[in-house]
């Protein structure tokens, strides 16, 4: 995953089930995202949530990720969308644009 503002790149794994469940991990937050995906006319769309923690391992915020994707070959896809950080009070802390380039594992 590449952040549009150039602050970082992260590696991770995505698991898409036939029933529309999505499980995602990444090296940045070192947490697991749980969500759903569906086919669209142009490709597919997925959304998931993951939690972020501070240096003391205390809850910092939820990240709500929403992406539009398309297959670029039989074994690859790209997607683009946003990750919105929401604190425990429901306030938006930050929004980041991200792009995913993925290869079947």
PDB file of N, CA and C in Angstrom:
ATOM      1  N   UNK A   1       0.847  -1.162   0.000  1.00  0.00           N
ATOM      2  CA  UNK A   1       0.000   0.000   0.000  1.00  0.00           C
ATOM      3  C   UNK A   1       0.896   1.230   0.000  1.00  0.00           C
ATOM      4  N   UNK A   2       0.593   2.136  -0.891  1.00  0.00           N
ATOM      5  CA  UNK A   2       1.353   3.371  -1.010  1.00  0.00           C
ATOM      6  C   UNK A   2       0.458   4.540  -0.618  1.00  0.00           C
ATOM      7  N   UNK A   3       0.965   5.413   0.242  1.00  0.00           N
ATOM      8  CA  UNK A   3       0.215   6.592   0.665  1.00  0.00           C
ATOM      9  C   UNK A   3       0.493   7.731  -0.303  1.00  0.00           C
ATOM     10  N   UNK A   4      -0.566   8.408  -0.735  1.00  0.00           N
ATOM     11  CA  UNK A   4      -0.459   9.461  -1.747  1.00  0.00           C
ATOM     12  C   UNK A   4       0.442  10.607  -1.307  1.00  0.00           C
ATOM     13  N   UNK A   5       0.503  10.864  -0.007  1.00  0.00           N
ATOM     14  CA  UNK A   5       1.336  11.971   0.465  1.00  0.00           C
ATOM     15  C   UNK A   5       2.817  11.608   0.528  1.00  0.00           C
ATOM     16  N   UNK A   6       3.165  10.371   0.154  1.00  0.00           N
ATOM     17  CA  UNK A   6       4.558   9.949   0.098  1.00  0.00           C
ATOM     18  C   UNK A   6       5.179   9.614   1.436  1.00  0.00           C
ATOM     19  N   UNK A   7       4.371   9.570   2.500  1.00  0.00           N
ATOM     20  CA  UNK A   7       4.930   9.339   3.829  1.00  0.00           C
ATOM     21  C   UNK A   7       5.411   7.915   4.043  1.00  0.00           C
ATOM     22  N   UNK A   8       4.786   6.942   3.370  1.00  0.00           N
ATOM     23  CA  UNK A   8       5.225   5.564   3.593  1.00  0.00           C
ATOM     24  C   UNK A   8       4.608   4.595   2.597  1.00  0.00           C
ATOM     25  N   UNK A   9       5.251   3.434   2.524  1.00  0.00           N
ATOM     26  CA  UNK A   9       4.754   2.267   1.802  1.00  0.00           C
ATOM     27  C   UNK A   9       4.641   1.140   2.809  1.00  0.00           C
ATOM     28  N   UNK A  10       3.623   0.318   2.676  1.00  0.00           N
ATOM     29  CA  UNK A  10       3.433  -0.813   3.575  1.00  0.00           C
ATOM     30  C   UNK A  10       3.197  -2.073   2.760  1.00  0.00           C
ATOM     31  N   UNK A  11       3.635  -3.184   3.301  1.00  0.00           N
ATOM     32  CA  UNK A  11       3.375  -4.485   2.697  1.00  0.00           C
ATOM     33  C   UNK A  11       2.276  -5.162   3.497  1.00  0.00           C
ATOM     34  N   UNK A  12       1.550  -6.061   2.859  1.00  0.00           N
ATOM     35  CA  UNK A  12       0.490  -6.753   3.577  1.00  0.00           C
ATOM     36  C   UNK A  12      -0.076  -7.903   2.783  1.00  0.00           C
ATOM     37  N   UNK A  13      -1.083  -8.528   3.353  1.00  0.00           N
ATOM     38  CA  UNK A  13      -1.791  -9.639   2.727  1.00  0.00           C
ATOM     39  C   UNK A  13      -3.276  -9.335   2.715  1.00  0.00           C
ATOM     40  N   UNK A  14      -3.951  -9.710   1.625  1.00  0.00           N
ATOM     41  CA  UNK A  14      -5.397  -9.606   1.508  1.00  0.00           C
ATOM     42  C   UNK A  14      -5.937 -11.004   1.244  1.00  0.00           C
ATOM     43  N   UNK A  15      -7.015 -11.372   1.931  1.00  0.00           N
ATOM     44  CA  UNK A  15      -7.715 -12.624   1.666  1.00  0.00           C
ATOM     45  C   UNK A  15      -9.165 -12.280   1.345  1.00  0.00           C
ATOM     46  N   UNK A  16      -9.597 -12.596   0.120  1.00  0.00           N
ATOM     47  CA  UNK A  16     -10.960 -12.347  -0.338  1.00  0.00           C
ATOM     48  C   UNK A  16     -11.670 -13.694  -0.416  1.00  0.00           C
ATOM     49  N   UNK A  17     -12.771 -13.872   0.302  1.00  0.00           N
ATOM     50  CA  UNK A  17     -13.502 -15.138   0.247  1.00  0.00           C
ATOM     51  C   UNK A  17     -14.612 -15.072  -0.787  1.00  0.00           C
ATOM     52  N   UNK A  18     -15.085 -16.229  -1.223  1.00  0.00           N
ATOM     53  CA  UNK A  18     -16.174 -16.303  -2.195  1.00  0.00           C
ATOM     54  C   UNK A  18     -17.463 -15.697  -1.637  1.00  0.00           C
ATOM     55  N   UNK A  19     -17.607 -15.674  -0.313  1.00  0.00           N
ATOM     56  CA  UNK A  19     -18.809 -15.143   0.320  1.00  0.00           C
ATOM     57  C   UNK A  19     -18.762 -13.633   0.518  1.00  0.00           C
ATOM     58  N   UNK A  20     -17.655 -12.979   0.125  1.00  0.00           N
ATOM     59  CA  UNK A  20     -17.570 -11.531   0.227  1.00  0.00           C
ATOM     60  C   UNK A  20     -16.862 -11.014   1.471  1.00  0.00           C
ATOM     61  N   UNK A  21     -16.214 -11.898   2.224  1.00  0.00           N
ATOM     62  CA  UNK A  21     -15.463 -11.478   3.403  1.00  0.00           C
ATOM     63  C   UNK A  21     -14.053 -11.081   2.992  1.00  0.00           C
ATOM     64  N   UNK A  22     -13.499 -10.085   3.663  1.00  0.00           N
ATOM     65  CA  UNK A  22     -12.136  -9.630   3.414  1.00  0.00           C
ATOM     66  C   UNK A  22     -11.376  -9.617   4.733  1.00  0.00           C
ATOM     67  N   UNK A  23     -10.175 -10.180   4.710  1.00  0.00           N
ATOM     68  CA  UNK A  23      -9.265 -10.117   5.848  1.00  0.00           C
ATOM     69  C   UNK A  23      -7.970  -9.521   5.317  1.00  0.00           C
ATOM     70  N   UNK A  24      -7.429  -8.525   6.027  1.00  0.00           N
ATOM     71  CA  UNK A  24      -6.251  -7.800   5.551  1.00  0.00           C
ATOM     72  C   UNK A  24      -5.278  -7.598   6.696  1.00  0.00           C
ATOM     73  N   UNK A  25      -3.990  -7.725   6.397  1.00  0.00           N
ATOM     74  CA  UNK A  25      -2.941  -7.406   7.365  1.00  0.00           C
ATOM     75  C   UNK A  25      -1.956  -6.461   6.692  1.00  0.00           C
ATOM     76  N   UNK A  26      -1.215  -5.703   7.497  1.00  0.00           N
ATOM     77  CA  UNK A  26      -0.169  -4.861   6.909  1.00  0.00           C
ATOM     78  C   UNK A  26       0.968  -4.645   7.901  1.00  0.00           C
ATOM     79  N   UNK A  27       2.103  -4.259   7.372  1.00  0.00           N
ATOM     80  CA  UNK A  27       3.291  -4.069   8.192  1.00  0.00           C
ATOM     81  C   UNK A  27       3.264  -2.760   8.965  1.00  0.00           C
ATOM     82  N   UNK A  28       2.461  -1.803   8.530  1.00  0.00           N
ATOM     83  CA  UNK A  28       2.433  -0.491   9.193  1.00  0.00           C
ATOM     84  C   UNK A  28       1.778  -0.538  10.553  1.00  0.00           C
ATOM     85  N   UNK A  29       0.528  -0.951  10.611  1.00  0.00           N
ATOM     86  CA  UNK A  29      -0.190  -0.974  11.887  1.00  0.00           C
ATOM     87  C   UNK A  29      -0.001  -2.287  12.629  1.00  0.00           C
ATOM     88  N   UNK A  30       0.456  -3.300  11.945  1.00  0.00           N
ATOM     89  CA  UNK A  30       0.636  -4.635  12.505  1.00  0.00           C
ATOM     90  C   UNK A  30      -0.647  -5.136  13.157  1.00  0.00           C
ATOM     91  N   UNK A  31      -1.765  -4.844  12.510  1.00  0.00           N
ATOM     92  CA  UNK A  31      -3.067  -5.321  12.965  1.00  0.00           C
ATOM     93  C   UNK A  31      -3.776  -5.997  11.812  1.00  0.00           C
ATOM     94  N   UNK A  32      -4.960  -6.518  12.094  1.00  0.00           N
ATOM     95  CA  UNK A  32      -5.760  -7.192  11.084  1.00  0.00           C
ATOM     96  C   UNK A  32      -7.000  -6.374  10.791  1.00  0.00           C
ATOM     97  N   UNK A  33      -7.280  -6.181   9.503  1.00  0.00           N
ATOM     98  CA  UNK A  33      -8.500  -5.510   9.091  1.00  0.00           C
ATOM     99  C   UNK A  33      -9.541  -6.543   8.695  1.00  0.00           C
ATOM    100  N   UNK A  34     -10.778  -6.298   9.061  1.00  0.00           N
ATOM    101  CA  UNK A  34     -11.896  -7.184   8.734  1.00  0.00           C
ATOM    102  C   UNK A  34     -12.922  -6.363   7.971  1.00  0.00           C
ATOM    103  N   UNK A  35     -13.422  -6.926   6.867  1.00  0.00           N
ATOM    104  CA  UNK A  35     -14.410  -6.184   6.095  1.00  0.00           C
ATOM    105  C   UNK A  35     -15.096  -7.048   5.067  1.00  0.00           C
ATOM    106  N   UNK A  36     -15.511  -6.389   3.983  1.00  0.00           N
ATOM    107  CA  UNK A  36     -16.256  -7.079   2.933  1.00  0.00           C
ATOM    108  C   UNK A  36     -15.855  -6.537   1.573  1.00  0.00           C
ATOM    109  N   UNK A  37     -16.157  -7.311   0.547  1.00  0.00           N
ATOM    110  CA  UNK A  37     -15.885  -6.891  -0.819  1.00  0.00           C
ATOM    111  C   UNK A  37     -17.052  -7.343  -1.690  1.00  0.00           C
ATOM    112  N   UNK A  38     -17.161  -6.686  -2.856  1.00  0.00           N
ATOM    113  CA  UNK A  38     -18.191  -7.078  -3.826  1.00  0.00           C
ATOM    114  C   UNK A  38     -17.725  -6.714  -5.230  1.00  0.00           C
ATOM    115  N   UNK A  39     -18.256  -7.413  -6.185  1.00  0.00           N
ATOM    116  CA  UNK A  39     -17.969  -7.092  -7.591  1.00  0.00           C
ATOM    117  C   UNK A  39     -18.733  -5.839  -7.977  1.00  0.00           C
ATOM    118  N   UNK A  40     -18.149  -5.082  -8.895  1.00  0.00           N
ATOM    119  CA  UNK A  40     -18.813  -3.913  -9.464  1.00  0.00           C
ATOM    120  C   UNK A  40     -18.719  -4.020 -10.983  1.00  0.00           C
ATOM    121  N   UNK A  41     -19.376  -3.137 -11.666  1.00  0.00           N
ATOM    122  CA  UNK A  41     -19.329  -3.140 -13.125  1.00  0.00           C
ATOM    123  C   UNK A  41     -17.900  -2.948 -13.633  1.00  0.00           C
ATOM    124  N   UNK A  42     -17.122  -2.119 -12.933  1.00  0.00           N
ATOM    125  CA  UNK A  42     -15.758  -1.794 -13.355  1.00  0.00           C
ATOM    126  C   UNK A  42     -14.697  -2.719 -12.765  1.00  0.00           C
ATOM    127  N   UNK A  43     -15.037  -3.513 -11.759  1.00  0.00           N
ATOM    128  CA  UNK A  43     -14.057  -4.379 -11.103  1.00  0.00           C
ATOM    129  C   UNK A  43     -14.589  -4.881  -9.775  1.00  0.00           C
ATOM    130  N   UNK A  44     -14.135  -4.267  -8.681  1.00  0.00           N
ATOM    131  CA  UNK A  44     -14.615  -4.641  -7.360  1.00  0.00           C
ATOM    132  C   UNK A  44     -14.408  -3.476  -6.391  1.00  0.00           C
ATOM    133  N   UNK A  45     -15.087  -3.571  -5.272  1.00  0.00           N
ATOM    134  CA  UNK A  45     -14.980  -2.558  -4.227  1.00  0.00           C
ATOM    135  C   UNK A  45     -14.794  -3.297  -2.907  1.00  0.00           C
ATOM    136  N   UNK A  46     -13.936  -2.774  -2.045  1.00  0.00           N
ATOM    137  CA  UNK A  46     -13.799  -3.372  -0.729  1.00  0.00           C
ATOM    138  C   UNK A  46     -13.713  -2.303   0.342  1.00  0.00           C
ATOM    139  N   UNK A  47     -14.131  -2.697   1.523  1.00  0.00           N
ATOM    140  CA  UNK A  47     -14.078  -1.813   2.688  1.00  0.00           C
ATOM    141  C   UNK A  47     -13.738  -2.673   3.897  1.00  0.00           C
ATOM    142  N   UNK A  48     -12.909  -2.132   4.772  1.00  0.00           N
ATOM    143  CA  UNK A  48     -12.603  -2.846   6.005  1.00  0.00           C
ATOM    144  C   UNK A  48     -12.241  -1.858   7.093  1.00  0.00           C
ATOM    145  N   UNK A  49     -12.207  -2.369   8.307  1.00  0.00           N
ATOM    146  CA  UNK A  49     -11.790  -1.571   9.457  1.00  0.00           C
ATOM    147  C   UNK A  49     -10.647  -2.285  10.154  1.00  0.00           C
ATOM    148  N   UNK A  50      -9.749  -1.478  10.682  1.00  0.00           N
ATOM    149  CA  UNK A  50      -8.688  -2.001  11.531  1.00  0.00           C
ATOM    150  C   UNK A  50      -8.461  -1.003  12.653  1.00  0.00           C
ATOM    151  N   UNK A  51      -7.857  -1.450  13.716  1.00  0.00           N
ATOM    152  CA  UNK A  51      -7.591  -0.569  14.841  1.00  0.00           C
ATOM    153  C   UNK A  51      -6.122  -0.192  14.873  1.00  0.00           C
ATOM    154  N   UNK A  52      -5.844   1.030  15.323  1.00  0.00           N
ATOM    155  CA  UNK A  52      -4.473   1.502  15.478  1.00  0.00           C
ATOM    156  C   UNK A  52      -4.218   1.776  16.957  1.00  0.00           C
ATOM    157  N   UNK A  53      -2.993   1.540  17.378  1.00  0.00           N
ATOM    158  CA  UNK A  53      -2.614   1.694  18.778  1.00  0.00           C
ATOM    159  C   UNK A  53      -1.404   2.607  18.900  1.00  0.00           C
ATOM    160  N   UNK A  54      -1.272   3.277  20.037  1.00  0.00           N
ATOM    161  CA  UNK A  54      -0.131   4.159  20.255  1.00  0.00           C
ATOM    162  C   UNK A  54       1.080   3.355  20.739  1.00  0.00           C
ATOM    163  N   UNK A  55       2.162   4.025  21.058  1.00  0.00           N
ATOM    164  CA  UNK A  55       3.391   3.354  21.478  1.00  0.00           C
ATOM    165  C   UNK A  55       3.239   2.587  22.789  1.00  0.00           C
ATOM    166  N   UNK A  56       2.244   2.949  23.594  1.00  0.00           N
ATOM    167  CA  UNK A  56       1.979   2.239  24.854  1.00  0.00           C
ATOM    168  C   UNK A  56       0.956   1.126  24.677  1.00  0.00           C
ATOM    169  N   UNK A  57       0.632   0.813  23.404  1.00  0.00           N
ATOM    170  CA  UNK A  57      -0.314  -0.236  23.043  1.00  0.00           C
ATOM    171  C   UNK A  57      -1.742   0.078  23.504  1.00  0.00           C
ATOM    172  N   UNK A  58      -2.073   1.362  23.596  1.00  0.00           N
ATOM    173  CA  UNK A  58      -3.426   1.795  23.927  1.00  0.00           C
ATOM    174  C   UNK A  58      -4.132   2.197  22.639  1.00  0.00           C
ATOM    175  N   UNK A  59      -5.439   1.956  22.597  1.00  0.00           N
ATOM    176  CA  UNK A  59      -6.230   2.288  21.420  1.00  0.00           C
ATOM    177  C   UNK A  59      -6.042   3.755  21.040  1.00  0.00           C
ATOM    178  N   UNK A  60      -5.765   4.002  19.762  1.00  0.00           N
ATOM    179  CA  UNK A  60      -5.624   5.373  19.264  1.00  0.00           C
ATOM    180  C   UNK A  60      -6.817   5.754  18.387  1.00  0.00           C
ATOM    181  N   UNK A  61      -7.154   4.890  17.410  1.00  0.00           N
ATOM    182  CA  UNK A  61      -8.272   5.173  16.512  1.00  0.00           C
ATOM    183  C   UNK A  61      -8.581   3.948  15.655  1.00  0.00           C
ATOM    184  N   UNK A  62      -9.786   3.946  15.066  1.00  0.00           N
ATOM    185  CA  UNK A  62     -10.167   2.976  14.042  1.00  0.00           C
ATOM    186  C   UNK A  62      -9.792   3.561  12.697  1.00  0.00           C
ATOM    187  N   UNK A  63      -9.396   2.704  11.765  1.00  0.00           N
ATOM    188  CA  UNK A  63      -9.168   3.137  10.390  1.00  0.00           C
ATOM    189  C   UNK A  63     -10.248   2.489   9.527  1.00  0.00           C
ATOM    190  N   UNK A  64     -11.006   3.321   8.824  1.00  0.00           N
ATOM    191  CA  UNK A  64     -12.054   2.855   7.921  1.00  0.00           C
ATOM    192  C   UNK A  64     -11.501   2.996   6.500  1.00  0.00           C
ATOM    193  N   UNK A  65     -11.273   1.875   5.838  1.00  0.00           N
ATOM    194  CA  UNK A  65     -10.686   1.869   4.500  1.00  0.00           C
ATOM    195  C   UNK A  65     -11.773   1.570   3.477  1.00  0.00           C
ATOM    196  N   UNK A  66     -11.784   2.324   2.386  1.00  0.00           N
ATOM    197  CA  UNK A  66     -12.755   2.149   1.305  1.00  0.00           C
ATOM    198  C   UNK A  66     -12.009   2.282  -0.019  1.00  0.00           C
ATOM    199  N   UNK A  67     -12.016   1.213  -0.847  1.00  0.00           N
ATOM    200  CA  UNK A  67     -11.247   1.197  -2.095  1.00  0.00           C
ATOM    201  C   UNK A  67     -12.063   0.662  -3.261  1.00  0.00           C
ATOM    202  N   UNK A  68     -11.769   1.188  -4.449  1.00  0.00           N
ATOM    203  CA  UNK A  68     -12.251   0.666  -5.729  1.00  0.00           C
ATOM    204  C   UNK A  68     -11.072  -0.023  -6.397  1.00  0.00           C
ATOM    205  N   UNK A  69     -11.279  -1.241  -6.914  1.00  0.00           N
ATOM    206  CA  UNK A  69     -10.169  -1.971  -7.510  1.00  0.00           C
ATOM    207  C   UNK A  69     -10.521  -2.587  -8.847  1.00  0.00           C
ATOM    208  N   UNK A  70      -9.479  -3.024  -9.533  1.00  0.00           N
ATOM    209  CA  UNK A  70      -9.670  -3.739 -10.797  1.00  0.00           C
ATOM    210  C   UNK A  70      -8.539  -4.744 -10.976  1.00  0.00           C
ATOM    211  N   UNK A  71      -8.876  -5.852 -11.625  1.00  0.00           N
ATOM    212  CA  UNK A  71      -7.861  -6.843 -11.950  1.00  0.00           C
ATOM    213  C   UNK A  71      -7.009  -6.293 -13.077  1.00  0.00           C
ATOM    214  N   UNK A  72      -5.710  -6.428 -12.951  1.00  0.00           N
ATOM    215  CA  UNK A  72      -4.811  -5.981 -14.017  1.00  0.00           C
ATOM    216  C   UNK A  72      -4.253  -7.165 -14.790  1.00  0.00           C
ATOM    217  N   UNK A  73      -4.437  -8.355 -14.259  1.00  0.00           N
ATOM    218  CA  UNK A  73      -4.123  -9.616 -14.936  1.00  0.00           C
ATOM    219  C   UNK A  73      -4.829 -10.712 -14.150  1.00  0.00           C
ATOM    220  N   UNK A  74      -4.606 -11.940 -14.530  1.00  0.00           N
ATOM    221  CA  UNK A  74      -5.208 -13.059 -13.810  1.00  0.00           C
ATOM    222  C   UNK A  74      -4.726 -13.123 -12.361  1.00  0.00           C
ATOM    223  N   UNK A  75      -3.525 -12.628 -12.113  1.00  0.00           N
ATOM    224  CA  UNK A  75      -2.911 -12.756 -10.792  1.00  0.00           C
ATOM    225  C   UNK A  75      -2.581 -11.432 -10.101  1.00  0.00           C
ATOM    226  N   UNK A  76      -3.062 -10.300 -10.621  1.00  0.00           N
ATOM    227  CA  UNK A  76      -2.736  -9.010 -10.011  1.00  0.00           C
ATOM    228  C   UNK A  76      -3.958  -8.090  -9.980  1.00  0.00           C
ATOM    229  N   UNK A  77      -3.936  -7.160  -9.026  1.00  0.00           N
ATOM    230  CA  UNK A  77      -4.955  -6.113  -9.002  1.00  0.00           C
ATOM    231  C   UNK A  77      -4.342  -4.821  -8.490  1.00  0.00           C
ATOM    232  N   UNK A  78      -5.022  -3.734  -8.783  1.00  0.00           N
ATOM    233  CA  UNK A  78      -4.705  -2.442  -8.203  1.00  0.00           C
ATOM    234  C   UNK A  78      -5.993  -1.863  -7.626  1.00  0.00           C
ATOM    235  N   UNK A  79      -5.847  -1.011  -6.645  1.00  0.00           N
ATOM    236  CA  UNK A  79      -7.009  -0.323  -6.082  1.00  0.00           C
ATOM    237  C   UNK A  79      -6.571   1.043  -5.571  1.00  0.00           C
ATOM    238  N   UNK A  80      -7.552   1.903  -5.418  1.00  0.00           N
ATOM    239  CA  UNK A  80      -7.295   3.259  -4.944  1.00  0.00           C
ATOM    240  C   UNK A  80      -8.465   3.667  -4.066  1.00  0.00           C
ATOM    241  N   UNK A  81      -8.164   4.384  -2.991  1.00  0.00           N
ATOM    242  CA  UNK A  81      -9.233   4.856  -2.122  1.00  0.00           C
ATOM    243  C   UNK A  81      -8.694   5.612  -0.935  1.00  0.00           C
ATOM    244  N   UNK A  82      -9.463   5.580   0.159  1.00  0.00           N
ATOM    245  CA  UNK A  82      -9.099   6.341   1.336  1.00  0.00           C
ATOM    246  C   UNK A  82      -9.086   5.473   2.586  1.00  0.00           C
ATOM    247  N   UNK A  83      -8.306   5.930   3.545  1.00  0.00           N
ATOM    248  CA  UNK A  83      -8.330   5.404   4.901  1.00  0.00           C
ATOM    249  C   UNK A  83      -8.655   6.572   5.808  1.00  0.00           C
ATOM    250  N   UNK A  84      -9.729   6.444   6.570  1.00  0.00           N
ATOM    251  CA  UNK A  84     -10.174   7.518   7.448  1.00  0.00           C
ATOM    252  C   UNK A  84      -9.972   7.093   8.898  1.00  0.00           C
ATOM    253  N   UNK A  85      -9.153   7.831   9.630  1.00  0.00           N
ATOM    254  CA  UNK A  85      -8.905   7.552  11.044  1.00  0.00           C
ATOM    255  C   UNK A  85      -9.989   8.229  11.877  1.00  0.00           C
ATOM    256  N   UNK A  86     -10.658   7.432  12.721  1.00  0.00           N
ATOM    257  CA  UNK A  86     -11.765   7.919  13.550  1.00  0.00           C
ATOM    258  C   UNK A  86     -11.466   7.585  15.008  1.00  0.00           C
ATOM    259  N   UNK A  87     -11.442   8.596  15.876  1.00  0.00           N
ATOM    260  CA  UNK A  87     -11.116   8.352  17.283  1.00  0.00           C
ATOM    261  C   UNK A  87     -12.302   7.755  18.032  1.00  0.00           C
ATOM    262  N   UNK A  88     -12.109   7.447  19.315  1.00  0.00           N
ATOM    263  CA  UNK A  88     -13.142   6.802  20.129  1.00  0.00           C
ATOM    264  C   UNK A  88     -14.395   7.658  20.284  1.00  0.00           C
ATOM    265  N   UNK A  89     -14.280   8.962  20.095  1.00  0.00           N
ATOM    266  CA  UNK A  89     -15.428   9.860  20.178  1.00  0.00           C
ATOM    267  C   UNK A  89     -16.159  10.010  18.847  1.00  0.00           C
ATOM    268  N   UNK A  90     -15.691   9.293  17.812  1.00  0.00           N
ATOM    269  CA  UNK A  90     -16.325   9.371  16.505  1.00  0.00           C
ATOM    270  C   UNK A  90     -15.851  10.523  15.643  1.00  0.00           C
ATOM    271  N   UNK A  91     -14.823  11.232  16.082  1.00  0.00           N
ATOM    272  CA  UNK A  91     -14.292  12.369  15.331  1.00  0.00           C
ATOM    273  C   UNK A  91     -13.246  11.896  14.319  1.00  0.00           C
ATOM    274  N   UNK A  92     -13.287  12.457  13.122  1.00  0.00           N
ATOM    275  CA  UNK A  92     -12.285  12.137  12.099  1.00  0.00           C
ATOM    276  C   UNK A  92     -10.975  12.813  12.480  1.00  0.00           C
ATOM    277  N   UNK A  93      -9.925  11.999  12.583  1.00  0.00           N
ATOM    278  CA  UNK A  93      -8.606  12.482  12.961  1.00  0.00           C
ATOM    279  C   UNK A  93      -7.779  12.804  11.726  1.00  0.00           C
ATOM    280  N   UNK A  94      -7.897  11.959  10.689  1.00  0.00           N
ATOM    281  CA  UNK A  94      -7.071  12.117   9.490  1.00  0.00           C
ATOM    282  C   UNK A  94      -7.665  11.287   8.358  1.00  0.00           C
ATOM    283  N   UNK A  95      -7.494  11.750   7.130  1.00  0.00           N
ATOM    284  CA  UNK A  95      -7.887  10.987   5.943  1.00  0.00           C
ATOM    285  C   UNK A  95      -6.665  10.872   5.044  1.00  0.00           C
ATOM    286  N   UNK A  96      -6.366   9.650   4.609  1.00  0.00           N
ATOM    287  CA  UNK A  96      -5.226   9.409   3.717  1.00  0.00           C
ATOM    288  C   UNK A  96      -5.703   8.734   2.445  1.00  0.00           C
ATOM    289  N   UNK A  97      -5.201   9.200   1.303  1.00  0.00           N
ATOM    290  CA  UNK A  97      -5.436   8.498   0.046  1.00  0.00           C
ATOM    291  C   UNK A  97      -4.364   7.430  -0.104  1.00  0.00           C
ATOM    292  N   UNK A  98      -4.785   6.239  -0.534  1.00  0.00           N
ATOM    293  CA  UNK A  98      -3.841   5.140  -0.694  1.00  0.00           C
ATOM    294  C   UNK A  98      -4.096   4.385  -1.984  1.00  0.00           C
ATOM    295  N   UNK A  99      -3.045   3.745  -2.472  1.00  0.00           N
ATOM    296  CA  UNK A  99      -3.109   2.893  -3.655  1.00  0.00           C
ATOM    297  C   UNK A  99      -2.518   1.543  -3.295  1.00  0.00           C
ATOM    298  N   UNK A 100      -3.167   0.480  -3.732  1.00  0.00           N
ATOM    299  CA  UNK A 100      -2.675  -0.874  -3.519  1.00  0.00           C
ATOM    300  C   UNK A 100      -2.314  -1.474  -4.869  1.00  0.00           C
ATOM    301  N   UNK A 101      -1.154  -2.104  -4.941  1.00  0.00           N
ATOM    302  CA  UNK A 101      -0.744  -2.909  -6.083  1.00  0.00           C
ATOM    303  C   UNK A 101      -0.473  -4.297  -5.514  1.00  0.00           C
ATOM    304  N   UNK A 102      -1.208  -5.307  -5.978  1.00  0.00           N
ATOM    305  CA  UNK A 102      -1.125  -6.618  -5.363  1.00  0.00           C
ATOM    306  C   UNK A 102      -0.891  -7.734  -6.384  1.00  0.00           C
ATOM    307  N   UNK A 103      -0.248  -8.774  -5.909  1.00  0.00           N
ATOM    308  CA  UNK A 103       0.037  -9.961  -6.719  1.00  0.00           C
ATOM    309  C   UNK A 103      -0.425 -11.187  -5.947  1.00  0.00           C
ATOM    310  N   UNK A 104      -1.050 -12.129  -6.668  1.00  0.00           N
ATOM    311  CA  UNK A 104      -1.525 -13.354  -6.033  1.00  0.00           C
ATOM    312  C   UNK A 104      -0.377 -14.086  -5.363  1.00  0.00           C
ATOM    313  N   UNK A 105      -0.631 -14.606  -4.191  1.00  0.00           N
ATOM    314  CA  UNK A 105       0.370 -15.255  -3.365  1.00  0.00           C
ATOM    315  C   UNK A 105       0.249 -16.746  -3.468  1.00  0.00           C
TER     316      UNK A 105
END
